[in-house]
Each structure stands twice: as structure tokens, then as C-alpha cells.
Amino acid sequence: MDIFHLGYEVNLRLAREKMGKKVALMGNIAPMGVLLRGSDEMVRQVCQEHILIGKEGGGFIFSSGGEVNQGTDPARIRLMVEYAKKFGRYNDLIA
């Protein structure tokens, strides 16, 4: 399986539709607009949204949509990890 690392500029839902399920998608939290400059609440909302969209159909690796910028508060990365643990499991999709 190939992996495509999406930049933050790419619409995640549209990328999944266009690339299908033979390509795993990785990304695409905005490193500056969300992680560096966004509020904690924005980080939570965007992470939850991206995880829920990304895991539809499988093949999603949750990460930033580019390098994490110098000056980013490490607490923001911890928030990402917290939300990945909370919302990023595929087994909760299987009923």
C-alpha cells in the first residue's frame, strides 16, 4: 500500500474520494494555522474532525500536514496525541 502525506491545504474528504482505498492518507492538520497559532479548543475541534473523516474506510495516519513549526507549544502536540487515542481507533467503527 502506498502512503500519500497530505499538506494542510488539501481537503481530506475530497482526497479520500479521489484516491480511493488503495492509498493510505497521512496528515493534514495545519502546522501554523492550528498547531502554532490556534487555540486549544481549535486544536481539539480540528483534530477530532480530521480523525473522524480520515478513518472512514480505513487507511489513515493522523499527523500534521507538514513540519511542526519552531515555537509550537508541546502541549498542542500532546492534545493531538490525546485526541488520536480518544477518537482514532478503528475498532469503534465495527459494530
N, C-alpha and C. Protein backbone atom coordinates (compact mmCIF):
# COMPACT_ATOMS: atom_id res chain seq x y z
N MET A 1 0.84 -1.17 0.00
CA MET A 1 0.00 0.00 0.00
C MET A 1 0.89 1.24 0.00
N ASP A 2 0.52 2.20 -0.82
CA ASP A 2 1.23 3.48 -0.86
C ASP A 2 0.63 4.43 0.17
N ILE A 3 1.46 5.37 0.62
CA ILE A 3 1.01 6.39 1.57
C ILE A 3 1.23 7.76 0.93
N PHE A 4 0.21 8.59 0.99
CA PHE A 4 0.31 9.95 0.48
C PHE A 4 0.17 10.91 1.65
N HIS A 5 1.23 11.72 1.90
CA HIS A 5 1.21 12.69 3.00
C HIS A 5 0.59 13.98 2.50
N LEU A 6 -0.59 14.28 3.01
CA LEU A 6 -1.34 15.45 2.58
C LEU A 6 -0.87 16.70 3.31
N GLY A 7 -0.69 17.77 2.58
CA GLY A 7 -0.47 19.06 3.20
C GLY A 7 -1.78 19.56 3.79
N TYR A 8 -1.68 20.56 4.61
CA TYR A 8 -2.87 21.09 5.28
C TYR A 8 -3.84 21.74 4.30
N GLU A 9 -3.38 22.09 3.11
CA GLU A 9 -4.21 22.77 2.12
C GLU A 9 -5.20 21.85 1.45
N VAL A 10 -5.00 20.54 1.56
CA VAL A 10 -5.80 19.55 0.84
C VAL A 10 -7.05 19.19 1.64
N ASN A 11 -8.18 19.15 0.95
CA ASN A 11 -9.43 18.72 1.56
C ASN A 11 -9.37 17.21 1.77
N LEU A 12 -9.39 16.78 3.02
CA LEU A 12 -9.21 15.37 3.36
C LEU A 12 -10.31 14.49 2.77
N ARG A 13 -11.54 14.91 2.87
CA ARG A 13 -12.66 14.11 2.35
C ARG A 13 -12.55 13.96 0.83
N LEU A 14 -12.23 15.04 0.15
CA LEU A 14 -12.09 15.01 -1.30
C LEU A 14 -10.90 14.13 -1.71
N ALA A 15 -9.80 14.21 -0.97
CA ALA A 15 -8.63 13.38 -1.27
C ALA A 15 -8.99 11.90 -1.16
N ARG A 16 -9.75 11.52 -0.13
CA ARG A 16 -10.16 10.12 0.02
C ARG A 16 -11.03 9.69 -1.15
N GLU A 17 -11.96 10.54 -1.56
CA GLU A 17 -12.83 10.22 -2.68
C GLU A 17 -12.03 10.02 -3.96
N LYS A 18 -11.07 10.90 -4.21
CA LYS A 18 -10.30 10.85 -5.46
C LYS A 18 -9.27 9.73 -5.48
N MET A 19 -8.64 9.43 -4.35
CA MET A 19 -7.55 8.45 -4.31
C MET A 19 -8.04 7.04 -4.01
N GLY A 20 -9.23 6.91 -3.50
CA GLY A 20 -9.75 5.58 -3.21
C GLY A 20 -9.08 4.96 -2.00
N LYS A 21 -9.30 3.66 -1.86
CA LYS A 21 -8.82 2.95 -0.66
C LYS A 21 -7.50 2.23 -0.87
N LYS A 22 -6.91 2.34 -2.06
CA LYS A 22 -5.63 1.67 -2.30
C LYS A 22 -4.45 2.52 -1.85
N VAL A 23 -4.73 3.74 -1.45
CA VAL A 23 -3.69 4.65 -0.98
C VAL A 23 -4.04 5.08 0.44
N ALA A 24 -3.10 4.91 1.36
CA ALA A 24 -3.30 5.41 2.73
C ALA A 24 -3.01 6.90 2.74
N LEU A 25 -3.82 7.63 3.46
CA LEU A 25 -3.62 9.08 3.57
C LEU A 25 -3.02 9.41 4.91
N MET A 26 -2.14 10.41 4.91
CA MET A 26 -1.45 10.84 6.12
C MET A 26 -1.51 12.36 6.20
N GLY A 27 -1.83 12.90 7.35
CA GLY A 27 -1.87 14.34 7.52
C GLY A 27 -3.20 14.73 8.16
N ASN A 28 -3.67 15.79 8.00
CA ASN A 28 -3.25 17.04 7.40
C ASN A 28 -3.62 18.24 8.27
N ILE A 29 -3.28 18.15 9.54
CA ILE A 29 -3.52 19.25 10.48
C ILE A 29 -2.57 20.41 10.14
N ALA A 30 -3.11 21.61 10.01
CA ALA A 30 -2.30 22.78 9.64
C ALA A 30 -1.29 23.10 10.74
N PRO A 31 0.02 23.00 10.42
CA PRO A 31 1.03 23.22 11.45
C PRO A 31 1.08 24.66 11.97
N MET A 32 0.85 25.65 11.12
CA MET A 32 0.89 27.04 11.60
C MET A 32 -0.48 27.52 12.05
N GLY A 33 -1.48 27.36 11.19
CA GLY A 33 -2.80 27.90 11.46
C GLY A 33 -3.50 27.26 12.64
N VAL A 34 -3.21 25.99 12.91
CA VAL A 34 -3.86 25.29 14.01
C VAL A 34 -2.89 25.06 15.16
N LEU A 35 -1.79 24.37 14.90
CA LEU A 35 -0.90 23.97 16.00
C LEU A 35 -0.12 25.14 16.60
N LEU A 36 0.37 26.04 15.77
CA LEU A 36 1.17 27.16 16.28
C LEU A 36 0.29 28.32 16.77
N ARG A 37 -0.71 28.68 15.97
CA ARG A 37 -1.47 29.90 16.25
C ARG A 37 -2.89 29.68 16.78
N GLY A 38 -3.41 28.47 16.65
CA GLY A 38 -4.78 28.21 17.07
C GLY A 38 -4.91 28.05 18.57
N SER A 39 -6.14 28.19 19.04
CA SER A 39 -6.42 27.98 20.47
C SER A 39 -6.45 26.48 20.76
N ASP A 40 -6.40 26.12 22.03
CA ASP A 40 -6.52 24.71 22.40
C ASP A 40 -7.84 24.14 21.89
N GLU A 41 -8.90 24.92 21.98
CA GLU A 41 -10.21 24.45 21.51
C GLU A 41 -10.18 24.21 20.01
N MET A 42 -9.52 25.08 19.26
CA MET A 42 -9.41 24.87 17.82
C MET A 42 -8.64 23.59 17.53
N VAL A 43 -7.56 23.35 18.25
CA VAL A 43 -6.78 22.12 18.06
C VAL A 43 -7.68 20.91 18.31
N ARG A 44 -8.45 20.94 19.39
CA ARG A 44 -9.35 19.82 19.70
C ARG A 44 -10.37 19.60 18.58
N GLN A 45 -11.01 20.67 18.15
CA GLN A 45 -12.05 20.56 17.13
C GLN A 45 -11.50 20.04 15.81
N VAL A 46 -10.39 20.62 15.37
CA VAL A 46 -9.81 20.23 14.08
C VAL A 46 -9.30 18.79 14.13
N CYS A 47 -8.65 18.42 15.22
CA CYS A 47 -8.15 17.05 15.35
C CYS A 47 -9.30 16.04 15.33
N GLN A 48 -10.34 16.31 16.09
CA GLN A 48 -11.47 15.39 16.12
C GLN A 48 -12.10 15.27 14.73
N GLU A 49 -12.29 16.39 14.07
CA GLU A 49 -12.89 16.39 12.73
C GLU A 49 -12.04 15.59 11.75
N HIS A 50 -10.73 15.83 11.74
CA HIS A 50 -9.85 15.14 10.80
C HIS A 50 -9.79 13.64 11.09
N ILE A 51 -9.76 13.28 12.34
CA ILE A 51 -9.72 11.86 12.68
C ILE A 51 -11.00 11.18 12.22
N LEU A 52 -12.14 11.77 12.50
CA LEU A 52 -13.41 11.15 12.13
C LEU A 52 -13.56 11.04 10.61
N ILE A 53 -13.13 12.05 9.88
CA ILE A 53 -13.16 11.99 8.42
C ILE A 53 -12.13 10.98 7.91
N GLY A 54 -10.92 11.06 8.43
CA GLY A 54 -9.82 10.24 7.93
C GLY A 54 -10.01 8.76 8.13
N LYS A 55 -10.60 8.37 9.23
CA LYS A 55 -10.69 6.93 9.50
C LYS A 55 -11.85 6.25 8.79
N GLU A 56 -12.72 7.03 8.13
CA GLU A 56 -13.79 6.42 7.34
C GLU A 56 -13.17 5.55 6.26
N GLY A 57 -13.42 4.29 6.31
CA GLY A 57 -12.90 3.37 5.31
C GLY A 57 -11.48 2.89 5.57
N GLY A 58 -10.85 3.36 6.63
CA GLY A 58 -9.50 2.89 6.98
C GLY A 58 -8.41 3.58 6.17
N GLY A 59 -7.18 3.18 6.44
CA GLY A 59 -6.04 3.71 5.69
C GLY A 59 -5.73 5.17 5.96
N PHE A 60 -5.74 5.56 7.23
CA PHE A 60 -5.45 6.95 7.56
C PHE A 60 -4.42 7.00 8.68
N ILE A 61 -3.39 7.82 8.49
CA ILE A 61 -2.37 8.06 9.50
C ILE A 61 -2.50 9.51 9.92
N PHE A 62 -2.88 9.72 11.16
CA PHE A 62 -3.13 11.06 11.69
C PHE A 62 -1.81 11.75 11.99
N SER A 63 -1.60 12.94 11.41
CA SER A 63 -0.38 13.71 11.68
C SER A 63 -0.60 15.14 11.22
N SER A 64 0.42 15.95 11.43
CA SER A 64 0.35 17.32 10.92
C SER A 64 0.49 17.28 9.40
N GLY A 65 0.04 18.35 8.77
CA GLY A 65 0.13 18.45 7.32
C GLY A 65 1.38 19.18 6.89
N GLY A 66 2.49 18.83 7.47
CA GLY A 66 3.78 19.47 7.21
C GLY A 66 4.58 19.45 8.50
N GLU A 67 5.74 20.04 8.45
CA GLU A 67 6.59 20.03 9.65
C GLU A 67 5.97 20.88 10.76
N VAL A 68 6.19 20.47 11.98
CA VAL A 68 5.73 21.25 13.13
C VAL A 68 6.70 22.42 13.29
N ASN A 69 6.16 23.62 13.29
CA ASN A 69 6.98 24.82 13.29
C ASN A 69 7.65 25.08 14.63
N GLN A 70 8.85 25.67 14.54
CA GLN A 70 9.56 26.11 15.74
C GLN A 70 8.66 27.06 16.51
N GLY A 71 8.62 26.90 17.81
CA GLY A 71 7.79 27.75 18.65
C GLY A 71 6.44 27.15 18.98
N THR A 72 6.11 26.01 18.35
CA THR A 72 4.84 25.35 18.66
C THR A 72 4.90 24.81 20.08
N ASP A 73 3.89 25.10 20.85
CA ASP A 73 3.81 24.63 22.24
C ASP A 73 3.69 23.11 22.26
N PRO A 74 4.59 22.41 22.95
CA PRO A 74 4.49 20.95 23.03
C PRO A 74 3.14 20.46 23.55
N ALA A 75 2.45 21.30 24.31
CA ALA A 75 1.12 20.92 24.80
C ALA A 75 0.15 20.71 23.65
N ARG A 76 0.36 21.40 22.54
CA ARG A 76 -0.51 21.23 21.36
C ARG A 76 -0.30 19.84 20.75
N ILE A 77 0.93 19.38 20.75
CA ILE A 77 1.22 18.04 20.23
C ILE A 77 0.60 17.00 21.17
N ARG A 78 0.67 17.26 22.46
CA ARG A 78 0.03 16.34 23.43
C ARG A 78 -1.48 16.29 23.20
N LEU A 79 -2.09 17.43 22.88
CA LEU A 79 -3.52 17.44 22.56
C LEU A 79 -3.81 16.57 21.34
N MET A 80 -2.96 16.67 20.33
CA MET A 80 -3.14 15.82 19.14
C MET A 80 -3.09 14.35 19.53
N VAL A 81 -2.11 13.98 20.33
CA VAL A 81 -1.96 12.58 20.76
C VAL A 81 -3.18 12.15 21.58
N GLU A 82 -3.62 13.02 22.47
CA GLU A 82 -4.80 12.73 23.30
C GLU A 82 -6.02 12.44 22.42
N TYR A 83 -6.23 13.26 21.42
CA TYR A 83 -7.38 13.06 20.55
C TYR A 83 -7.21 11.86 19.63
N ALA A 84 -6.01 11.56 19.23
CA ALA A 84 -5.78 10.34 18.45
C ALA A 84 -6.13 9.12 19.28
N LYS A 85 -5.76 9.12 20.54
CA LYS A 85 -6.08 7.99 21.41
C LYS A 85 -7.59 7.90 21.66
N LYS A 86 -8.23 9.05 21.78
CA LYS A 86 -9.66 9.07 22.11
C LYS A 86 -10.54 8.73 20.90
N PHE A 87 -10.21 9.26 19.74
CA PHE A 87 -11.09 9.13 18.58
C PHE A 87 -10.50 8.31 17.43
N GLY A 88 -9.23 7.94 17.51
CA GLY A 88 -8.56 7.37 16.36
C GLY A 88 -8.54 5.87 16.24
N ARG A 89 -9.36 5.16 16.98
CA ARG A 89 -9.36 3.70 16.90
C ARG A 89 -10.38 3.23 15.87
N TYR A 90 -9.93 2.31 15.03
CA TYR A 90 -10.83 1.77 14.02
C TYR A 90 -11.85 0.81 14.61
N ASN A 91 -11.53 0.14 15.72
CA ASN A 91 -12.44 -0.86 16.25
C ASN A 91 -13.77 -0.28 16.70
N ASP A 92 -13.84 1.02 16.97
CA ASP A 92 -15.13 1.58 17.36
C ASP A 92 -16.05 1.80 16.16
N LEU A 93 -15.54 1.56 14.95
CA LEU A 93 -16.37 1.63 13.75
C LEU A 93 -17.04 0.30 13.46
N ILE A 94 -16.53 -0.77 14.04
CA ILE A 94 -17.05 -2.11 13.76
C ILE A 94 -18.15 -2.41 14.77
N ALA A 95 -19.34 -2.66 14.27
CA ALA A 95 -20.46 -2.95 15.18
C ALA A 95 -20.99 -4.34 14.95
